[in-house]
PDB file of N, CA and C in Angstrom:
ATOM      1  N   MET A   1      77.088  95.987 108.977  1.00  0.00           N
ATOM      2  CA  MET A   1      77.888  96.264 107.807  1.00  0.00           C
ATOM      3  C   MET A   1      77.317  97.503 107.100  1.00  0.00           C
ATOM      4  N   THR A   2      78.190  98.380 106.652  1.00  0.00           N
ATOM      5  CA  THR A   2      77.791  99.611 105.993  1.00  0.00           C
ATOM      6  C   THR A   2      77.164  99.313 104.640  1.00  0.00           C
ATOM      7  N   LYS A   3      76.068  99.996 104.360  1.00  0.00           N
ATOM      8  CA  LYS A   3      75.436  99.831 103.051  1.00  0.00           C
ATOM      9  C   LYS A   3      76.311 100.467 101.982  1.00  0.00           C
ATOM     10  N   ILE A   4      76.200  99.962 100.773  1.00  0.00           N
ATOM     11  CA  ILE A   4      76.969 100.482  99.644  1.00  0.00           C
ATOM     12  C   ILE A   4      76.020 100.875  98.524  1.00  0.00           C
ATOM     13  N   SER A   5      76.532 101.669  97.607  1.00  0.00           N
ATOM     14  CA  SER A   5      75.733 102.111  96.461  1.00  0.00           C
ATOM     15  C   SER A   5      76.246 101.470  95.181  1.00  0.00           C
ATOM     16  N   GLY A   6      75.430 101.539  94.162  1.00  0.00           N
ATOM     17  CA  GLY A   6      75.839 101.049  92.846  1.00  0.00           C
ATOM     18  C   GLY A   6      77.032 101.813  92.317  1.00  0.00           C
ATOM     19  N   ARG A   7      77.083 103.099  92.611  1.00  0.00           N
ATOM     20  CA  ARG A   7      78.207 103.932  92.169  1.00  0.00           C
ATOM     21  C   ARG A   7      79.503 103.488  92.840  1.00  0.00           C
ATOM     22  N   GLN A   8      79.431 103.089  94.121  1.00  0.00           N
ATOM     23  CA  GLN A   8      80.622 102.585  94.805  1.00  0.00           C
ATOM     24  C   GLN A   8      81.106 101.276  94.199  1.00  0.00           C
ATOM     25  N   ILE A   9      80.170 100.429  93.795  1.00  0.00           N
ATOM     26  CA  ILE A   9      80.556  99.175  93.144  1.00  0.00           C
ATOM     27  C   ILE A   9      81.305  99.480  91.854  1.00  0.00           C
ATOM     28  N   ALA A  10      80.774 100.389  91.054  1.00  0.00           N
ATOM     29  CA  ALA A  10      81.426 100.753  89.793  1.00  0.00           C
ATOM     30  C   ALA A  10      82.798 101.366  90.057  1.00  0.00           C
ATOM     31  N   ALA A  11      82.907 102.211  91.081  1.00  0.00           N
ATOM     32  CA  ALA A  11      84.191 102.824  91.416  1.00  0.00           C
ATOM     33  C   ALA A  11      85.196 101.770  91.875  1.00  0.00           C
ATOM     34  N   ALA A  12      84.742 100.824  92.675  1.00  0.00           N
ATOM     35  CA  ALA A  12      85.630  99.760  93.145  1.00  0.00           C
ATOM     36  C   ALA A  12      86.121  98.912  91.980  1.00  0.00           C
ATOM     37  N   ARG A  13      85.228  98.621  91.040  1.00  0.00           N
ATOM     38  CA  ARG A  13      85.638  97.859  89.857  1.00  0.00           C
ATOM     39  C   ARG A  13      86.700  98.613  89.076  1.00  0.00           C
ATOM     40  N   ALA A  14      86.504  99.935  88.928  1.00  0.00           N
ATOM     41  CA  ALA A  14      87.470 100.750  88.185  1.00  0.00           C
ATOM     42  C   ALA A  14      88.825 100.767  88.895  1.00  0.00           C
ATOM     43  N   LEU A  15      88.822 100.944  90.219  1.00  0.00           N
ATOM     44  CA  LEU A  15      90.077 100.957  90.967  1.00  0.00           C
ATOM     45  C   LEU A  15      90.803  99.623  90.876  1.00  0.00           C
ATOM     46  N   ALA A  16      90.050  98.537  90.975  1.00  0.00           N
ATOM     47  CA  ALA A  16      90.650  97.206  90.934  1.00  0.00           C
ATOM     48  C   ALA A  16      90.919  96.746  89.500  1.00  0.00           C
ATOM     49  N   ASP A  17      90.450  97.524  88.528  1.00  0.00           N
ATOM     50  CA  ASP A  17      90.649  97.231  87.108  1.00  0.00           C
ATOM     51  C   ASP A  17      90.088  95.856  86.727  1.00  0.00           C
ATOM     52  N   ILE A  18      88.805  95.650  87.073  1.00  0.00           N
ATOM     53  CA  ILE A  18      88.138  94.396  86.719  1.00  0.00           C
ATOM     54  C   ILE A  18      86.850  94.708  85.964  1.00  0.00           C
ATOM     55  N   SER A  19      86.456  93.780  85.126  1.00  0.00           N
ATOM     56  CA  SER A  19      85.249  93.957  84.324  1.00  0.00           C
ATOM     57  C   SER A  19      84.010  93.526  85.102  1.00  0.00           C
ATOM     58  N   GLN A  20      82.867  93.902  84.584  1.00  0.00           N
ATOM     59  CA  GLN A  20      81.614  93.462  85.197  1.00  0.00           C
ATOM     60  C   GLN A  20      81.509  91.939  85.140  1.00  0.00           C
ATOM     61  N   GLN A  21      81.955  91.351  84.044  1.00  0.00           N
ATOM     62  CA  GLN A  21      81.904  89.893  83.906  1.00  0.00           C
ATOM     63  C   GLN A  21      82.780  89.217  84.961  1.00  0.00           C
ATOM     64  N   ASP A  22      83.991  89.759  85.179  1.00  0.00           N
ATOM     65  CA  ASP A  22      84.890  89.172  86.178  1.00  0.00           C
ATOM     66  C   ASP A  22      84.305  89.281  87.582  1.00  0.00           C
ATOM     67  N   LEU A  23      83.717  90.443  87.890  1.00  0.00           N
ATOM     68  CA  LEU A  23      83.129  90.635  89.211  1.00  0.00           C
ATOM     69  C   LEU A  23      81.937  89.709  89.414  1.00  0.00           C
ATOM     70  N   ALA A  24      81.066  89.622  88.432  1.00  0.00           N
ATOM     71  CA  ALA A  24      79.901  88.739  88.543  1.00  0.00           C
ATOM     72  C   ALA A  24      80.345  87.286  88.726  1.00  0.00           C
ATOM     73  N   GLY A  25      81.383  86.892  87.996  1.00  0.00           N
ATOM     74  CA  GLY A  25      81.901  85.531  88.134  1.00  0.00           C
ATOM     75  C   GLY A  25      82.449  85.262  89.518  1.00  0.00           C
ATOM     76  N   ARG A  26      83.242  86.197  90.054  1.00  0.00           N
ATOM     77  CA  ARG A  26      83.834  86.009  91.385  1.00  0.00           C
ATOM     78  C   ARG A  26      82.752  86.028  92.461  1.00  0.00           C
ATOM     79  N   ALA A  27      81.729  86.880  92.269  1.00  0.00           N
ATOM     80  CA  ALA A  27      80.639  86.962  93.246  1.00  0.00           C
ATOM     81  C   ALA A  27      79.642  85.816  93.085  1.00  0.00           C
ATOM     82  N   ARG A  28      79.749  85.094  91.990  1.00  0.00           N
ATOM     83  CA  ARG A  28      78.843  83.981  91.678  1.00  0.00           C
ATOM     84  C   ARG A  28      77.392  84.439  91.609  1.00  0.00           C
ATOM     85  N   ILE A  29      77.222  85.545  90.883  1.00  0.00           N
ATOM     86  CA  ILE A  29      75.870  86.050  90.644  1.00  0.00           C
ATOM     87  C   ILE A  29      75.711  86.271  89.149  1.00  0.00           C
ATOM     88  N   PRO A  30      74.479  86.263  88.639  1.00  0.00           N
ATOM     89  CA  PRO A  30      74.265  86.538  87.225  1.00  0.00           C
ATOM     90  C   PRO A  30      74.705  87.968  86.879  1.00  0.00           C
ATOM     91  N   LEU A  31      75.284  88.134  85.705  1.00  0.00           N
ATOM     92  CA  LEU A  31      75.718  89.448  85.248  1.00  0.00           C
ATOM     93  C   LEU A  31      74.550  90.433  85.251  1.00  0.00           C
ATOM     94  N   ALA A  32      73.365  89.984  84.881  1.00  0.00           N
ATOM     95  CA  ALA A  32      72.191  90.866  84.863  1.00  0.00           C
ATOM     96  C   ALA A  32      71.901  91.438  86.247  1.00  0.00           C
ATOM     97  N   ASP A  33      72.128  90.652  87.302  1.00  0.00           N
ATOM     98  CA  ASP A  33      71.907  91.146  88.662  1.00  0.00           C
ATOM     99  C   ASP A  33      72.937  92.207  89.039  1.00  0.00           C
ATOM    100  N   LEU A  34      74.194  92.010  88.635  1.00  0.00           N
ATOM    101  CA  LEU A  34      75.215  93.022  88.893  1.00  0.00           C
ATOM    102  C   LEU A  34      74.875  94.319  88.160  1.00  0.00           C
ATOM    103  N   LEU A  35      74.459  94.204  86.912  1.00  0.00           N
ATOM    104  CA  LEU A  35      74.085  95.396  86.142  1.00  0.00           C
ATOM    105  C   LEU A  35      72.921  96.125  86.816  1.00  0.00           C
ATOM    106  N   ARG A  36      71.961  95.375  87.328  1.00  0.00           N
ATOM    107  CA  ARG A  36      70.822  95.977  88.021  1.00  0.00           C
ATOM    108  C   ARG A  36      71.280  96.725  89.262  1.00  0.00           C
ATOM    109  N   LEU A  37      72.164  96.112  90.052  1.00  0.00           N
ATOM    110  CA  LEU A  37      72.636  96.751  91.277  1.00  0.00           C
ATOM    111  C   LEU A  37      73.484  97.988  90.979  1.00  0.00           C
ATOM    112  N   GLU A  38      74.317  97.935  89.953  1.00  0.00           N
ATOM    113  CA  GLU A  38      75.105  99.113  89.586  1.00  0.00           C
ATOM    114  C   GLU A  38      74.205 100.236  89.087  1.00  0.00           C
ATOM    115  N   SER A  39      73.052  99.887  88.522  1.00  0.00           N
ATOM    116  CA  SER A  39      72.142 100.908  87.988  1.00  0.00           C
ATOM    117  C   SER A  39      71.484 101.732  89.094  1.00  0.00           C
ATOM    118  N   TYR A  40      71.626 101.334  90.373  1.00  0.00           N
ATOM    119  CA  TYR A  40      71.081 102.113  91.476  1.00  0.00           C
ATOM    120  C   TYR A  40      71.796 103.461  91.597  1.00  0.00           C
ATOM    121  N   GLY A  41      72.960 103.608  90.987  1.00  0.00           N
ATOM    122  CA  GLY A  41      73.692 104.873  91.046  1.00  0.00           C
ATOM    123  C   GLY A  41      74.066 105.216  92.470  1.00  0.00           C
ATOM    124  N   ALA A  42      73.731 106.433  92.909  1.00  0.00           N
ATOM    125  CA  ALA A  42      74.102 106.904  94.245  1.00  0.00           C
ATOM    126  C   ALA A  42      73.190 106.353  95.339  1.00  0.00           C
ATOM    127  N   ALA A  43      72.074 105.729  94.957  1.00  0.00           N
ATOM    128  CA  ALA A  43      71.152 105.177  95.956  1.00  0.00           C
ATOM    129  C   ALA A  43      71.791 103.968  96.630  1.00  0.00           C
ATOM    130  N   LEU A  44      71.537 103.811  97.916  1.00  0.00           N
ATOM    131  CA  LEU A  44      72.063 102.665  98.653  1.00  0.00           C
ATOM    132  C   LEU A  44      71.352 101.396  98.208  1.00  0.00           C
ATOM    133  N   LEU A  45      72.104 100.313  98.123  1.00  0.00           N
ATOM    134  CA  LEU A  45      71.530  99.040  97.715  1.00  0.00           C
ATOM    135  C   LEU A  45      70.671  98.481  98.835  1.00  0.00           C
ATOM    136  N   PRO A  46      69.618  97.762  98.468  1.00  0.00           N
ATOM    137  CA  PRO A  46      68.818  97.100  99.506  1.00  0.00           C
ATOM    138  C   PRO A  46      69.656  95.988 100.150  1.00  0.00           C
ATOM    139  N   ASP A  47      69.283  95.608 101.364  1.00  0.00           N
ATOM    140  CA  ASP A  47      69.953  94.469 101.982  1.00  0.00           C
ATOM    141  C   ASP A  47      69.646  93.262 101.112  1.00  0.00           C
ATOM    142  N   ASP A  48      70.684  92.715 100.536  1.00  0.00           N
ATOM    143  CA  ASP A  48      70.509  91.707  99.513  1.00  0.00           C
ATOM    144  C   ASP A  48      71.716  90.781  99.563  1.00  0.00           C
ATOM    145  N   ALA A  49      71.479  89.493  99.380  1.00  0.00           N
ATOM    146  CA  ALA A  49      72.588  88.532  99.379  1.00  0.00           C
ATOM    147  C   ALA A  49      73.567  88.841  98.259  1.00  0.00           C
ATOM    148  N   HIS A  50      73.069  89.355  97.126  1.00  0.00           N
ATOM    149  CA  HIS A  50      73.957  89.698  96.012  1.00  0.00           C
ATOM    150  C   HIS A  50      74.884  90.849  96.397  1.00  0.00           C
ATOM    151  N   ALA A  51      74.360  91.824  97.110  1.00  0.00           N
ATOM    152  CA  ALA A  51      75.191  92.964  97.522  1.00  0.00           C
ATOM    153  C   ALA A  51      76.334  92.480  98.408  1.00  0.00           C
ATOM    154  N   GLU A  52      76.053  91.558  99.321  1.00  0.00           N
ATOM    155  CA  GLU A  52      77.099  91.018 100.193  1.00  0.00           C
ATOM    156  C   GLU A  52      78.109  90.199  99.389  1.00  0.00           C
ATOM    157  N   ALA A  53      77.628  89.419  98.423  1.00  0.00           N
ATOM    158  CA  ALA A  53      78.533  88.632  97.573  1.00  0.00           C
ATOM    159  C   ALA A  53      79.439  89.554  96.762  1.00  0.00           C
ATOM    160  N   ILE A  54      78.891  90.663  96.272  1.00  0.00           N
ATOM    161  CA  ILE A  54      79.681  91.629  95.506  1.00  0.00           C
ATOM    162  C   ILE A  54      80.721  92.276  96.410  1.00  0.00           C
ATOM    163  N   ARG A  55      80.325  92.660  97.612  1.00  0.00           N
ATOM    164  CA  ARG A  55      81.276  93.261  98.558  1.00  0.00           C
ATOM    165  C   ARG A  55      82.437  92.300  98.824  1.00  0.00           C
ATOM    166  N   ASN A  56      82.128  91.037  99.085  1.00  0.00           N
ATOM    167  CA  ASN A  56      83.174  90.046  99.360  1.00  0.00           C
ATOM    168  C   ASN A  56      84.072  89.819  98.152  1.00  0.00           C
ATOM    169  N   ALA A  57      83.485  89.785  96.966  1.00  0.00           N
ATOM    170  CA  ALA A  57      84.278  89.596  95.754  1.00  0.00           C
ATOM    171  C   ALA A  57      85.210  90.784  95.533  1.00  0.00           C
ATOM    172  N   LEU A  58      84.693  91.999  95.702  1.00  0.00           N
ATOM    173  CA  LEU A  58      85.529  93.182  95.530  1.00  0.00           C
ATOM    174  C   LEU A  58      86.641  93.223  96.567  1.00  0.00           C
ATOM    175  N   ASP A  59      86.355  92.764  97.780  1.00  0.00           N
ATOM    176  CA  ASP A  59      87.384  92.679  98.809  1.00  0.00           C
ATOM    177  C   ASP A  59      88.513  91.751  98.355  1.00  0.00           C
ATOM    178  N   SER A  60      88.156  90.649  97.704  1.00  0.00           N
ATOM    179  CA  SER A  60      89.185  89.716  97.235  1.00  0.00           C
ATOM    180  C   SER A  60      90.026  90.317  96.109  1.00  0.00           C
ATOM    181  N   PHE A  61      89.475  91.315  95.403  1.00  0.00           N
ATOM    182  CA  PHE A  61      90.229  92.025  94.367  1.00  0.00           C
ATOM    183  C   PHE A  61      91.014  93.203  94.948  1.00  0.00           C
ATOM    184  N   GLY A  62      90.881  93.457  96.258  1.00  0.00           N
ATOM    185  CA  GLY A  62      91.651  94.507  96.900  1.00  0.00           C
ATOM    186  C   GLY A  62      90.917  95.805  97.150  1.00  0.00           C
ATOM    187  N   ALA A  63      89.609  95.857  96.883  1.00  0.00           N
ATOM    188  CA  ALA A  63      88.834  97.079  97.109  1.00  0.00           C
ATOM    189  C   ALA A  63      88.256  97.074  98.528  1.00  0.00           C
ATOM    190  N   VAL A  64      88.272  98.227  99.158  1.00  0.00           N
ATOM    191  CA  VAL A  64      87.752  98.379 100.517  1.00  0.00           C
ATOM    192  C   VAL A  64      86.714  99.493 100.505  1.00  0.00           C
ATOM    193  N   PHE A  65      85.549  99.239 101.066  1.00  0.00           N
ATOM    194  CA  PHE A  65      84.513 100.269 101.165  1.00  0.00           C
ATOM    195  C   PHE A  65      84.752 101.085 102.422  1.00  0.00           C
ATOM    196  N   VAL A  66      84.714 102.394 102.271  1.00  0.00           N
ATOM    197  CA  VAL A  66      84.964 103.318 103.372  1.00  0.00           C
ATOM    198  C   VAL A  66      83.622 103.924 103.774  1.00  0.00           C
ATOM    199  N   PRO A  67      83.229 103.766 105.041  1.00  0.00           N
ATOM    200  CA  PRO A  67      81.939 104.317 105.469  1.00  0.00           C
ATOM    201  C   PRO A  67      81.974 105.832 105.571  1.00  0.00           C
ATOM    202  N   GLU A  68      80.803 106.429 105.535  1.00  0.00           N
ATOM    203  CA  GLU A  68      80.675 107.868 105.697  1.00  0.00           C
ATOM    204  C   GLU A  68      81.069 108.241 107.117  1.00  0.00           C
ATOM    205  N   GLY A  69      81.758 109.349 107.266  1.00  0.00           N
ATOM    206  CA  GLY A  69      82.131 109.775 108.602  1.00  0.00           C
ATOM    207  C   GLY A  69      83.032 110.986 108.598  1.00  0.00           C
ATOM    208  N   HIS A  70      83.091 111.663 109.729  1.00  0.00           N
ATOM    209  CA  HIS A  70      83.943 112.835 109.925  1.00  0.00           C
ATOM    210  C   HIS A  70      83.698 113.908 108.873  1.00  0.00           C
ATOM    211  N   GLY A  71      82.439 114.075 108.496  1.00  0.00           N
ATOM    212  CA  GLY A  71      82.086 115.103 107.527  1.00  0.00           C
ATOM    213  C   GLY A  71      82.397 114.739 106.090  1.00  0.00           C
ATOM    214  N   LEU A  72      82.841 113.514 105.859  1.00  0.00           N
ATOM    215  CA  LEU A  72      83.165 113.063 104.512  1.00  0.00           C
ATOM    216  C   LEU A  72      82.175 111.999 104.074  1.00  0.00           C
ATOM    217  N   GLY A  73      81.935 111.925 102.800  1.00  0.00           N
ATOM    218  CA  GLY A  73      81.023 110.922 102.271  1.00  0.00           C
ATOM    219  C   GLY A  73      81.667 109.548 102.205  1.00  0.00           C
ATOM    220  N   ALA A  74      80.841 108.554 101.978  1.00  0.00           N
ATOM    221  CA  ALA A  74      81.313 107.181 101.827  1.00  0.00           C
ATOM    222  C   ALA A  74      82.121 107.072 100.539  1.00  0.00           C
ATOM    223  N   GLY A  75      82.985 106.084 100.488  1.00  0.00           N
ATOM    224  CA  GLY A  75      83.806 105.918  99.302  1.00  0.00           C
ATOM    225  C   GLY A  75      84.363 104.519  99.191  1.00  0.00           C
ATOM    226  N   VAL A  76      85.406 104.409  98.390  1.00  0.00           N
ATOM    227  CA  VAL A  76      86.066 103.133  98.162  1.00  0.00           C
ATOM    228  C   VAL A  76      87.541 103.423  97.895  1.00  0.00           C
ATOM    229  N   ARG A  77      88.396 102.511  98.319  1.00  0.00           N
ATOM    230  CA  ARG A  77      89.825 102.651  98.063  1.00  0.00           C
ATOM    231  C   ARG A  77      90.416 101.262  97.885  1.00  0.00           C
ATOM    232  N   LEU A  78      91.682 101.204  97.509  1.00  0.00           N
ATOM    233  CA  LEU A  78      92.375  99.931  97.374  1.00  0.00           C
ATOM    234  C   LEU A  78      93.210  99.649  98.616  1.00  0.00           C
ATOM    235  N   LYS A  79      93.317  98.373  98.952  1.00  0.00           N
ATOM    236  CA  LYS A  79      94.214  97.944 100.023  1.00  0.00           C
ATOM    237  C   LYS A  79      95.641  98.059  99.498  1.00  0.00           C
ATOM    238  N   PHE A  80      96.591  98.161 100.405  1.00  0.00           N
ATOM    239  CA  PHE A  80      97.982  98.047  99.997  1.00  0.00           C
ATOM    240  C   PHE A  80      98.268  96.571  99.759  1.00  0.00           C
ATOM    241  N   SER A  81      98.924  96.260  98.654  1.00  0.00           N
ATOM    242  CA  SER A  81      99.340  94.888  98.399  1.00  0.00           C
ATOM    243  C   SER A  81     100.634  94.616  99.157  1.00  0.00           C
ATOM    244  N   ARG A  82     101.029  93.368  99.249  1.00  0.00           N
ATOM    245  CA  ARG A  82     102.298  93.036  99.898  1.00  0.00           C
ATOM    246  C   ARG A  82     103.458  93.738  99.200  1.00  0.00           C
ATOM    247  N   GLN A  83     103.375  93.803  97.876  1.00  0.00           N
ATOM    248  CA  GLN A  83     104.431  94.466  97.107  1.00  0.00           C
ATOM    249  C   GLN A  83     104.475  95.959  97.446  1.00  0.00           C
ATOM    250  N   ASP A  84     103.295  96.592  97.589  1.00  0.00           N
ATOM    251  CA  ASP A  84     103.251  98.011  97.964  1.00  0.00           C
ATOM    252  C   ASP A  84     103.902  98.232  99.330  1.00  0.00           C
ATOM    253  N   VAL A  85     103.545  97.385 100.301  1.00  0.00           N
ATOM    254  CA  VAL A  85     104.082  97.520 101.655  1.00  0.00           C
ATOM    255  C   VAL A  85     105.598  97.341 101.639  1.00  0.00           C
ATOM    256  N   LYS A  86     106.071  96.376 100.879  1.00  0.00           N
ATOM    257  CA  LYS A  86     107.510  96.131 100.776  1.00  0.00           C
ATOM    258  C   LYS A  86     108.221  97.345 100.184  1.00  0.00           C
ATOM    259  N   GLN A  87     107.652  97.931  99.148  1.00  0.00           N
ATOM    260  CA  GLN A  87     108.238  99.106  98.508  1.00  0.00           C
ATOM    261  C   GLN A  87     108.248 100.299  99.458  1.00  0.00           C
ATOM    262  N   ILE A  88     107.158 100.524 100.179  1.00  0.00           N
ATOM    263  CA  ILE A  88     107.091 101.628 101.138  1.00  0.00           C
ATOM    264  C   ILE A  88     108.141 101.430 102.223  1.00  0.00           C
ATOM    265  N   SER A  89     108.248 100.219 102.732  1.00  0.00           N
ATOM    266  CA  SER A  89     109.229  99.924 103.769  1.00  0.00           C
ATOM    267  C   SER A  89     110.641 100.167 103.256  1.00  0.00           C
ATOM    268  N   ARG A  90     110.929  99.752 102.044  1.00  0.00           N
ATOM    269  CA  ARG A  90     112.254  99.960 101.454  1.00  0.00           C
ATOM    270  C   ARG A  90     112.558 101.450 101.354  1.00  0.00           C
ATOM    271  N   LEU A  91     111.588 102.229 100.899  1.00  0.00           N
ATOM    272  CA  LEU A  91     111.800 103.666 100.752  1.00  0.00           C
ATOM    273  C   LEU A  91     111.971 104.357 102.101  1.00  0.00           C
ATOM    274  N   GLU A  92     111.211 103.917 103.100  1.00  0.00           N
ATOM    275  CA  GLU A  92     111.314 104.533 104.412  1.00  0.00           C
ATOM    276  C   GLU A  92     112.629 104.199 105.100  1.00  0.00           C
ATOM    277  N   ASN A  93     113.248 103.098 104.739  1.00  0.00           N
ATOM    278  CA  ASN A  93     114.484 102.663 105.387  1.00  0.00           C
ATOM    279  C   ASN A  93     115.683 102.766 104.455  1.00  0.00           C
ATOM    280  N   GLU A  94     115.638 103.689 103.511  1.00  0.00           N
ATOM    281  CA  GLU A  94     116.703 103.762 102.519  1.00  0.00           C
ATOM    282  C   GLU A  94     117.977 104.410 103.040  1.00  0.00           C
ATOM    283  N   GLY A  95     117.971 104.919 104.223  1.00  0.00           N
ATOM    284  CA  GLY A  95     119.191 105.488 104.797  1.00  0.00           C
ATOM    285  C   GLY A  95     119.076 106.983 104.993  1.00  0.00           C
ATOM    286  N   GLY A  96     120.157 107.562 105.415  1.00  0.00           N
ATOM    287  CA  GLY A  96     120.163 108.976 105.693  1.00  0.00           C
ATOM    288  C   GLY A  96     119.875 109.229 107.155  1.00  0.00           C
ATOM    289  N   PRO A  97     120.014 110.468 107.557  1.00  0.00           N
ATOM    290  CA  PRO A  97     119.786 110.791 108.970  1.00  0.00           C
ATOM    291  C   PRO A  97     118.316 110.595 109.360  1.00  0.00           C
ATOM    292  N   ALA A  98     118.136 110.085 110.555  1.00  0.00           N
ATOM    293  CA  ALA A  98     116.779 109.893 111.067  1.00  0.00           C
ATOM    294  C   ALA A  98     116.191 111.249 111.424  1.00  0.00           C
ATOM    295  N   ALA A  99     114.951 111.464 111.028  1.00  0.00           N
ATOM    296  CA  ALA A  99     114.290 112.733 111.321  1.00  0.00           C
ATOM    297  C   ALA A  99     112.789 112.501 111.353  1.00  0.00           C
ATOM    298  N   ASP A 100     112.095 113.431 111.994  1.00  0.00           N
ATOM    299  CA  ASP A 100     110.637 113.373 111.988  1.00  0.00           C
ATOM    300  C   ASP A 100     110.145 113.633 110.580  1.00  0.00           C
ATOM    301  N   ASP A 101     108.998 113.051 110.266  1.00  0.00           N
ATOM    302  CA  ASP A 101     108.386 113.346 108.969  1.00  0.00           C
ATOM    303  C   ASP A 101     106.925 113.692 109.184  1.00  0.00           C
ATOM    304  N   ASP A 102     106.282 114.055 108.112  1.00  0.00           N
ATOM    305  CA  ASP A 102     104.892 114.489 108.190  1.00  0.00           C
ATOM    306  C   ASP A 102     103.904 113.348 108.069  1.00  0.00           C
ATOM    307  N   VAL A 103     104.380 112.136 107.909  1.00  0.00           N
ATOM    308  CA  VAL A 103     103.479 111.003 107.733  1.00  0.00           C
ATOM    309  C   VAL A 103     102.906 110.611 109.077  1.00  0.00           C
ATOM    310  N   PRO A 104     101.555 110.573 109.177  1.00  0.00           N
ATOM    311  CA  PRO A 104     100.944 110.225 110.473  1.00  0.00           C
ATOM    312  C   PRO A 104     101.162 108.779 110.843  1.00  0.00           C
TER     313      PRO A 104
END
């Protein structure tokens, strides 16, 4: 499993729009431990059961950690929700002549 940083945890919380208290509760860890791990900033977190619990909790809120690769740094993004997928599908099938598009 790819290591994560405290900054990625904070970014994932911001994307998922959840508080530190909510994340600590979902991860079932003390808030003080979450604050300590977020304080690592850009440094990678040590292999720690709390780090794994935080990763799993953020996953349940829809955040996905993206590993470093292809000349790009590690990051975080949101999963598409069912509602997002439904909306994209509706827009893609709204009618009109079929043609190639730029979407990979």
